[in-house]
Structure formats: structure tokens, C-alpha cells
Protein backbone atom coordinates (compact mmCIF):
# COMPACT_ATOMS: atom_id res chain seq x y z
CA MET A 1 3.21 -1.07 6.19
CA THR A 2 2.45 -4.26 7.39
CA ARG A 3 1.88 -5.61 11.08
CA GLY A 4 5.39 -7.36 12.53
CA ASN A 5 5.42 -11.24 13.45
CA ASP A 6 8.02 -10.17 16.24
CA GLY A 7 5.96 -8.19 18.24
CA LYS A 8 2.20 -7.46 18.24
CA MET A 9 3.06 -3.73 18.57
CA MET A 10 5.85 -3.85 15.66
CA ALA A 11 5.22 -2.36 11.97
CA HIS A 12 7.21 -2.43 8.95
CA PRO A 13 6.88 0.41 6.66
CA HIS A 14 7.81 -0.45 3.50
CA PHE A 15 7.92 1.17 -0.20
CA HIS A 16 5.86 0.66 -3.41
CA ALA A 17 7.20 2.69 -6.46
CA LEU A 18 6.52 2.94 -9.68
CA LEU A 19 9.59 4.07 -11.71
CA LEU A 20 9.53 4.76 -15.35
CA VAL A 21 12.65 3.83 -17.26
CA LYS A 22 13.28 3.67 -21.41
CA PRO A 23 12.64 0.69 -22.90
CA SER A 24 16.48 0.50 -23.26
CA TYR A 25 16.93 0.37 -19.76
CA PHE A 26 16.08 -3.69 -20.24
CA THR A 27 19.06 -4.10 -22.34
CA ILE A 28 21.70 -1.56 -21.44
CA ASN A 29 21.57 -0.30 -18.09
CA TYR A 30 19.45 -3.08 -16.26
CA ILE A 31 19.88 -2.93 -12.54
CA LYS A 32 19.91 -6.76 -10.88
CA GLN A 33 17.40 -7.72 -7.99
CA GLY A 34 20.82 -8.01 -5.59
CA ASP A 35 22.29 -4.86 -6.95
CA TRP A 36 19.02 -2.97 -5.53
CA VAL A 37 18.93 -5.11 -2.35
CA GLU A 38 22.58 -3.45 -1.97
CA MET A 39 21.68 0.21 -2.69
CA TRP A 40 18.76 0.01 -0.71
CA ALA A 41 20.60 -1.72 2.22
CA LYS A 42 23.18 0.88 1.53
CA ALA A 43 20.48 4.20 1.88
CA LEU A 44 18.98 2.47 4.79
CA ARG A 45 22.24 2.30 6.42
CA ALA A 46 20.60 -1.01 7.76
CA ASP A 47 22.57 -4.52 8.84
CA TYR A 48 20.68 -6.37 7.46
CA LEU A 49 19.69 -6.99 3.10
CA PRO A 50 16.25 -5.56 2.57
CA SER A 51 13.72 -7.50 0.79
CA VAL A 52 12.84 -5.85 -2.37
CA ASN A 53 10.64 -7.18 -5.14
CA VAL A 54 11.13 -5.59 -8.24
CA LYS A 55 8.44 -6.44 -11.52
CA ALA A 56 8.25 -5.03 -14.93
CA VAL A 57 4.71 -3.19 -15.34
CA LYS A 58 3.37 -2.97 -18.88
CA ALA A 59 0.94 -0.47 -20.01
CA THR A 60 -2.63 -1.12 -20.99
CA LEU A 61 -4.29 0.16 -24.14
CA ASP A 62 -7.26 1.91 -23.61
CA GLU A 63 -10.26 1.51 -26.37
CA LYS A 64 -8.46 4.03 -28.94
CA GLY A 65 -5.35 2.00 -28.82
CA ARG A 66 -3.39 4.39 -26.45
CA LYS A 67 -1.07 3.65 -23.91
CA GLN A 68 -2.84 3.67 -20.27
CA LEU A 69 -0.71 3.21 -17.08
CA ASP A 70 -3.08 3.54 -14.45
CA LYS A 71 -3.83 -0.09 -13.49
CA ALA A 72 -0.20 0.20 -12.79
CA ILE A 73 -0.45 3.49 -10.88
CA CYS A 74 -3.33 2.09 -8.58
CA GLU A 75 -1.87 -1.09 -8.10
CA THR A 76 0.94 0.20 -6.58
CA LEU A 77 -0.86 2.58 -4.81
CA LYS A 78 -3.54 0.40 -3.51
CA TYR A 79 -3.06 0.69 -0.30
CA SER A 80 -0.47 1.86 2.54
CA VAL A 81 -1.75 -0.52 5.32
CA LYS A 82 -3.39 -3.73 4.41
CA PRO A 83 -7.04 -4.13 5.69
CA SER A 84 -6.20 -7.44 7.41
CA ASP A 85 -3.16 -5.67 9.32
CA LEU A 86 -5.96 -3.00 10.82
CA ALA A 87 -7.13 -4.70 13.65
CA LEU A 88 -6.89 -8.37 15.36
CA GLU A 89 -8.73 -10.09 17.51
CA GLY A 90 -7.93 -9.05 21.12
CA ASP A 91 -5.91 -5.99 20.61
CA LYS A 92 -9.19 -3.69 21.08
CA GLY A 93 -7.08 -1.69 18.20
CA ALA A 94 -4.35 -0.84 20.05
CA TRP A 95 -2.12 -1.63 17.15
CA LEU A 96 -4.32 0.59 14.50
CA HIS A 97 -4.13 3.57 17.75
CA GLU A 98 -0.53 3.33 17.86
CA MET A 99 0.03 3.00 14.14
CA THR A 100 -2.33 6.25 13.38
CA LYS A 101 -0.45 8.32 15.73
CA GLN A 102 2.92 7.32 14.53
CA VAL A 103 2.22 8.32 10.89
CA HIS A 104 0.10 11.32 11.90
CA LYS A 105 0.75 14.27 9.29
CA MET A 106 3.09 12.04 7.33
CA ARG A 107 2.56 12.10 3.49
CA PHE A 108 1.78 8.88 1.94
CA ILE A 109 1.92 9.25 -1.33
CA ALA A 110 3.74 11.49 -3.80
CA THR A 111 4.30 11.99 -7.51
CA GLY A 112 7.05 13.89 -9.41
CA GLY A 113 8.80 13.88 -12.71
CA VAL A 114 6.34 12.46 -15.92
CA LEU A 115 4.00 11.55 -13.12
CA LYS A 116 3.53 14.82 -11.59
CA GLY A 117 -0.25 16.07 -10.88
CA ILE A 118 -1.25 12.61 -12.56
CA LEU A 119 -3.33 12.23 -9.16
CA LYS A 120 -5.45 15.33 -9.21
CA PRO A 121 -9.01 14.78 -7.76
CA GLU A 122 -10.77 15.45 -10.72
CA ASP A 123 -9.20 12.27 -12.02
CA GLU A 124 -11.34 9.04 -12.21
CA ILE A 125 -9.87 6.41 -10.74
CA THR A 126 -13.00 3.54 -9.68
CA THR A 127 -12.86 2.22 -6.48
CA GLU A 128 -12.76 -0.94 -8.21
CA GLU A 129 -9.48 -0.42 -9.51
CA MET A 130 -8.03 1.12 -6.76
CA ILE A 131 -8.45 -2.18 -4.93
CA SER A 132 -8.23 -4.34 -7.53
CA SER A 133 -4.92 -6.51 -7.74
CA SER A 134 -3.93 -6.29 -11.67
CA GLU A 135 -2.85 -9.80 -10.87
CA GLU A 136 -5.51 -11.68 -9.49
CA VAL A 137 -9.22 -10.33 -8.94
CA GLN A 138 -10.90 -11.42 -5.58
CA ASP A 139 -14.41 -11.42 -5.44
CA VAL A 140 -15.05 -10.76 -1.52
CA GLY A 141 -18.37 -9.97 0.04
CA GLU A 142 -18.93 -6.01 1.79
CA GLY A 143 -17.59 -6.16 5.26
CA ARG A 144 -16.89 -3.52 7.57
CA VAL A 145 -14.56 -3.01 10.54
CA ALA A 146 -16.32 -1.09 13.68
CA PHE A 147 -15.02 0.94 16.18
CA GLN A 148 -17.36 1.81 19.34
CA PHE A 149 -15.96 4.71 21.85
CA LYS A 150 -15.10 3.42 25.33
CA PRO A 151 -15.55 6.74 27.85
CA GLU A 152 -13.07 5.12 30.17
CA TYR A 153 -10.35 5.09 27.47
CA ARG A 154 -11.18 8.73 25.98
CA LYS A 155 -11.42 6.70 22.18
CA TYR A 156 -12.64 4.66 20.03
CA VAL A 157 -11.37 0.82 20.34
CA TYR A 158 -11.87 -2.01 17.88
CA ALA A 159 -15.54 -3.58 18.17
CA PRO A 160 -15.79 -6.89 16.35
CA LYS A 161 -19.04 -7.41 17.37
CA TYR A 162 -20.21 -5.05 15.02
CA ASN A 163 -18.21 -6.20 12.20
CA GLU A 164 -21.26 -7.98 11.01
CA TYR A 165 -24.59 -6.48 9.21
CA ALA A 166 -27.81 -7.14 11.07
CA ASP A 167 -30.07 -9.31 9.53
């Protein structure tokens, strides 16, 4: 979900999907990006052409030469809301609060087919694998997003003055 540019309280839900296809897909039944756009618009019953980004992802090899899809899975599922969209200066957490209220009890991650059950609690996927991009690794300092309880609102609100750690 990304924060919209067309209004302070607007959000644009979107999907990240990992589709497993046979190698022959790229030669026989390949679906062009434009066709994905048309099919997605039809499925949405939209009066506009939605943005569709399709990329081929290849498995990496582990130390024994076995194909591993971990990084592709982590990259695809890495976040449902970008940290930079969570709170903006001046909105006092209103967007985050509204988004949280609207997505309450929604399921954001689902697996099926050959991937069914692949994301189990006992799987060891490191924090670094979940947050770093397979295309680009960024070295960022540790930060935090702070909230403070406001009795007058009977809720927590974004408190940017507490985002920095005390020296």
C-alpha cells in the first residue's frame, strides 16, 4: 500500500505476486506486459489502465548448488507498507491510523500451490533478507518511528520529536 499523491488521506493498495511458471512459458505462452495490463483492468472492472510491473526472477544457488527461491520470495513479500509512507510531518499519524483501521483483520500474505506452507514460523529468514532489495542493498542507520499516547484523543499519535535516540 502506498500513500497517494492525490490527497493526504488517500492510499493505493497494490499487489506483489510471485508466479512460478515452466521455462517454456517464455517461448510458447508468454503474456506481454500490455496484455497483463488489459487483463488486470478487466479483473478490476477499472475505467483506467492500471500499472503492472512484470519481472522475471531467477533462483539463486545455495552452497551445495541447489536452487533457492528465498531471496525472490523475500523481495516480493518484503513490505506491505513502505516505512516512508507510515507517517509524514504534520499529519500526527492520522494516515497511519486510518489505514490501520481500514485494513484491520485483512490478510496480507497468502501462499498456495507449490509455495503453500513455505512461509512457516520455523523457517529461518533473516531480517536482512526481508528488508534488503535483491537489486540494491542500502546501508541505512537504525532509526525509529515514535508515537506518544494523547489522552485527549484516547490514542497514540505520531511524535517525531522522539524519533532520534538520546545521546
